Amino acid sequence: MTCRLFLNGLALDTDAASLADLLRTEGFDLSGAIACAVNRAFVPRSQWASRPLDDGDQIDVISPVTGG
């Protein structure tokens, strides 16, 4: 089932069933240093595969920035 999400503020239609599926589909390296929140609530990495997605969810993916 396709749902409309907002990934880092941009609308996205997806068939991804879980947060991990969405991250993979969108090209994120799941072994990399990223953090995720769904509807402004932090989701621990251990829950990404089991965190279902719902129509209208707002997903924020944050990566560290290096440099000074």
N, C-alpha and C. Protein backbone atom coordinates (compact mmCIF):
# COMPACT_ATOMS: atom_id res chain seq x y z
N MET A 1 0.84 -1.17 0.00
CA MET A 1 0.00 0.00 0.00
C MET A 1 0.89 1.25 0.00
N THR A 2 0.61 2.14 -0.90
CA THR A 2 1.39 3.37 -1.01
C THR A 2 0.88 4.40 -0.02
N CYS A 3 1.82 5.06 0.65
CA CYS A 3 1.43 6.14 1.54
C CYS A 3 2.30 7.35 1.25
N ARG A 4 1.82 8.50 1.63
CA ARG A 4 2.56 9.75 1.46
C ARG A 4 3.19 10.11 2.79
N LEU A 5 4.52 10.27 2.73
CA LEU A 5 5.31 10.64 3.91
C LEU A 5 6.02 11.95 3.61
N PHE A 6 6.65 12.47 4.63
CA PHE A 6 7.50 13.63 4.47
C PHE A 6 8.88 13.26 5.01
N LEU A 7 9.84 13.17 4.12
CA LEU A 7 11.20 12.79 4.48
C LEU A 7 12.07 14.04 4.45
N ASN A 8 12.55 14.43 5.62
CA ASN A 8 13.33 15.67 5.75
C ASN A 8 12.60 16.84 5.10
N GLY A 9 11.28 16.88 5.28
CA GLY A 9 10.47 17.99 4.81
C GLY A 9 9.95 17.87 3.39
N LEU A 10 10.38 16.86 2.64
CA LEU A 10 9.95 16.71 1.26
C LEU A 10 8.91 15.59 1.15
N ALA A 11 7.82 15.86 0.44
CA ALA A 11 6.77 14.85 0.25
C ALA A 11 7.31 13.70 -0.56
N LEU A 12 6.89 12.49 -0.18
CA LEU A 12 7.38 11.28 -0.83
C LEU A 12 6.28 10.22 -0.78
N ASP A 13 5.97 9.63 -1.93
CA ASP A 13 5.05 8.49 -1.98
C ASP A 13 5.89 7.23 -1.95
N THR A 14 5.56 6.30 -1.07
CA THR A 14 6.37 5.10 -0.91
C THR A 14 5.52 3.88 -0.59
N ASP A 15 6.07 2.71 -0.91
CA ASP A 15 5.47 1.43 -0.54
C ASP A 15 6.22 0.81 0.63
N ALA A 16 7.21 1.51 1.18
CA ALA A 16 8.00 0.97 2.29
C ALA A 16 7.10 0.69 3.49
N ALA A 17 7.29 -0.48 4.08
CA ALA A 17 6.46 -0.88 5.21
C ALA A 17 7.05 -0.46 6.55
N SER A 18 8.36 -0.30 6.60
CA SER A 18 9.01 0.05 7.86
C SER A 18 10.00 1.19 7.65
N LEU A 19 10.46 1.75 8.73
CA LEU A 19 11.45 2.81 8.66
C LEU A 19 12.72 2.29 7.99
N ALA A 20 13.17 1.09 8.33
CA ALA A 20 14.37 0.53 7.70
C ALA A 20 14.18 0.36 6.20
N ASP A 21 13.00 -0.11 5.77
CA ASP A 21 12.72 -0.25 4.34
C ASP A 21 12.82 1.09 3.64
N LEU A 22 12.24 2.11 4.25
CA LEU A 22 12.27 3.45 3.65
C LEU A 22 13.71 3.95 3.52
N LEU A 23 14.49 3.79 4.57
CA LEU A 23 15.87 4.27 4.54
C LEU A 23 16.66 3.57 3.43
N ARG A 24 16.50 2.25 3.31
CA ARG A 24 17.18 1.49 2.26
C ARG A 24 16.74 1.97 0.88
N THR A 25 15.43 2.10 0.70
CA THR A 25 14.87 2.51 -0.59
C THR A 25 15.39 3.88 -1.00
N GLU A 26 15.57 4.76 -0.04
CA GLU A 26 16.02 6.12 -0.33
C GLU A 26 17.54 6.26 -0.35
N GLY A 27 18.26 5.13 -0.23
CA GLY A 27 19.71 5.14 -0.41
C GLY A 27 20.55 5.46 0.80
N PHE A 28 19.96 5.42 1.98
CA PHE A 28 20.75 5.67 3.19
C PHE A 28 21.55 4.42 3.56
N ASP A 29 22.76 4.62 4.02
CA ASP A 29 23.61 3.53 4.49
C ASP A 29 23.22 3.24 5.94
N LEU A 30 22.55 2.10 6.16
CA LEU A 30 22.05 1.79 7.50
C LEU A 30 23.17 1.51 8.50
N SER A 31 24.37 1.25 8.00
CA SER A 31 25.48 1.03 8.93
C SER A 31 26.19 2.33 9.26
N GLY A 32 25.82 3.40 8.58
CA GLY A 32 26.45 4.70 8.79
C GLY A 32 25.92 5.39 10.04
N ALA A 33 26.51 6.52 10.32
CA ALA A 33 26.16 7.31 11.51
C ALA A 33 24.98 8.22 11.18
N ILE A 34 23.77 7.70 11.34
CA ILE A 34 22.58 8.50 11.15
C ILE A 34 21.63 8.27 12.32
N ALA A 35 20.77 9.23 12.54
CA ALA A 35 19.74 9.11 13.57
C ALA A 35 18.41 9.44 12.90
N CYS A 36 17.34 8.83 13.40
CA CYS A 36 16.02 9.03 12.79
C CYS A 36 14.97 9.37 13.84
N ALA A 37 14.04 10.20 13.40
CA ALA A 37 12.87 10.52 14.22
C ALA A 37 11.64 10.40 13.34
N VAL A 38 10.57 9.90 13.91
CA VAL A 38 9.29 9.82 13.22
C VAL A 38 8.31 10.67 14.03
N ASN A 39 7.73 11.64 13.36
CA ASN A 39 6.81 12.57 14.03
C ASN A 39 7.44 13.20 15.27
N ARG A 40 8.71 13.58 15.11
CA ARG A 40 9.51 14.27 16.13
C ARG A 40 9.89 13.40 17.32
N ALA A 41 9.66 12.08 17.23
CA ALA A 41 10.06 11.17 18.31
C ALA A 41 11.23 10.32 17.82
N PHE A 42 12.34 10.35 18.57
CA PHE A 42 13.52 9.56 18.23
C PHE A 42 13.16 8.08 18.15
N VAL A 43 13.68 7.40 17.12
CA VAL A 43 13.48 5.96 16.97
C VAL A 43 14.86 5.30 17.06
N PRO A 44 15.10 4.48 18.10
CA PRO A 44 16.39 3.80 18.21
C PRO A 44 16.64 2.88 17.01
N ARG A 45 17.89 2.79 16.63
CA ARG A 45 18.28 1.94 15.49
C ARG A 45 17.72 0.52 15.63
N SER A 46 17.68 -0.01 16.83
CA SER A 46 17.19 -1.37 17.05
C SER A 46 15.72 -1.53 16.70
N GLN A 47 14.99 -0.42 16.54
CA GLN A 47 13.56 -0.48 16.22
C GLN A 47 13.24 -0.09 14.78
N TRP A 48 14.24 0.27 13.99
CA TRP A 48 13.98 0.70 12.62
C TRP A 48 13.22 -0.35 11.81
N ALA A 49 13.62 -1.61 11.92
CA ALA A 49 12.99 -2.67 11.11
C ALA A 49 11.55 -2.94 11.55
N SER A 50 11.24 -2.67 12.80
CA SER A 50 9.89 -2.97 13.30
C SER A 50 9.00 -1.73 13.37
N ARG A 51 9.54 -0.55 13.06
CA ARG A 51 8.73 0.69 13.15
C ARG A 51 7.92 0.86 11.87
N PRO A 52 6.60 0.60 11.94
CA PRO A 52 5.77 0.76 10.74
C PRO A 52 5.60 2.23 10.38
N LEU A 53 5.28 2.46 9.12
CA LEU A 53 5.06 3.81 8.63
C LEU A 53 3.58 4.00 8.32
N ASP A 54 3.08 5.19 8.59
CA ASP A 54 1.68 5.52 8.34
C ASP A 54 1.61 6.74 7.44
N ASP A 55 0.52 6.83 6.71
CA ASP A 55 0.29 7.97 5.84
C ASP A 55 0.42 9.27 6.64
N GLY A 56 1.19 10.20 6.12
CA GLY A 56 1.36 11.49 6.77
C GLY A 56 2.52 11.58 7.75
N ASP A 57 3.20 10.44 8.02
CA ASP A 57 4.33 10.49 8.94
C ASP A 57 5.39 11.47 8.46
N GLN A 58 6.03 12.11 9.42
CA GLN A 58 7.14 13.01 9.13
C GLN A 58 8.41 12.36 9.64
N ILE A 59 9.29 12.01 8.72
CA ILE A 59 10.54 11.33 9.07
C ILE A 59 11.69 12.31 8.89
N ASP A 60 12.52 12.41 9.93
CA ASP A 60 13.73 13.22 9.86
C ASP A 60 14.93 12.30 10.01
N VAL A 61 15.85 12.41 9.07
CA VAL A 61 17.09 11.65 9.10
C VAL A 61 18.22 12.65 9.27
N ILE A 62 19.03 12.43 10.28
CA ILE A 62 20.09 13.37 10.62
C ILE A 62 21.43 12.65 10.55
N SER A 63 22.38 13.26 9.84
CA SER A 63 23.73 12.73 9.75
C SER A 63 24.68 13.74 10.39
N PRO A 64 25.73 13.25 11.02
CA PRO A 64 26.69 14.19 11.59
C PRO A 64 27.43 14.96 10.50
N VAL A 65 27.81 16.17 10.80
CA VAL A 65 28.58 16.99 9.88
C VAL A 65 29.97 17.16 10.47
N THR A 66 30.98 16.89 9.66
CA THR A 66 32.34 17.03 10.15
C THR A 66 32.92 18.35 9.65
N GLY A 67 33.94 18.76 10.30
CA GLY A 67 34.59 20.00 9.91
C GLY A 67 34.49 21.02 11.04
N GLY A 68 35.03 22.14 10.84
CA GLY A 68 35.07 23.10 11.91
C GLY A 68 34.42 24.36 11.54
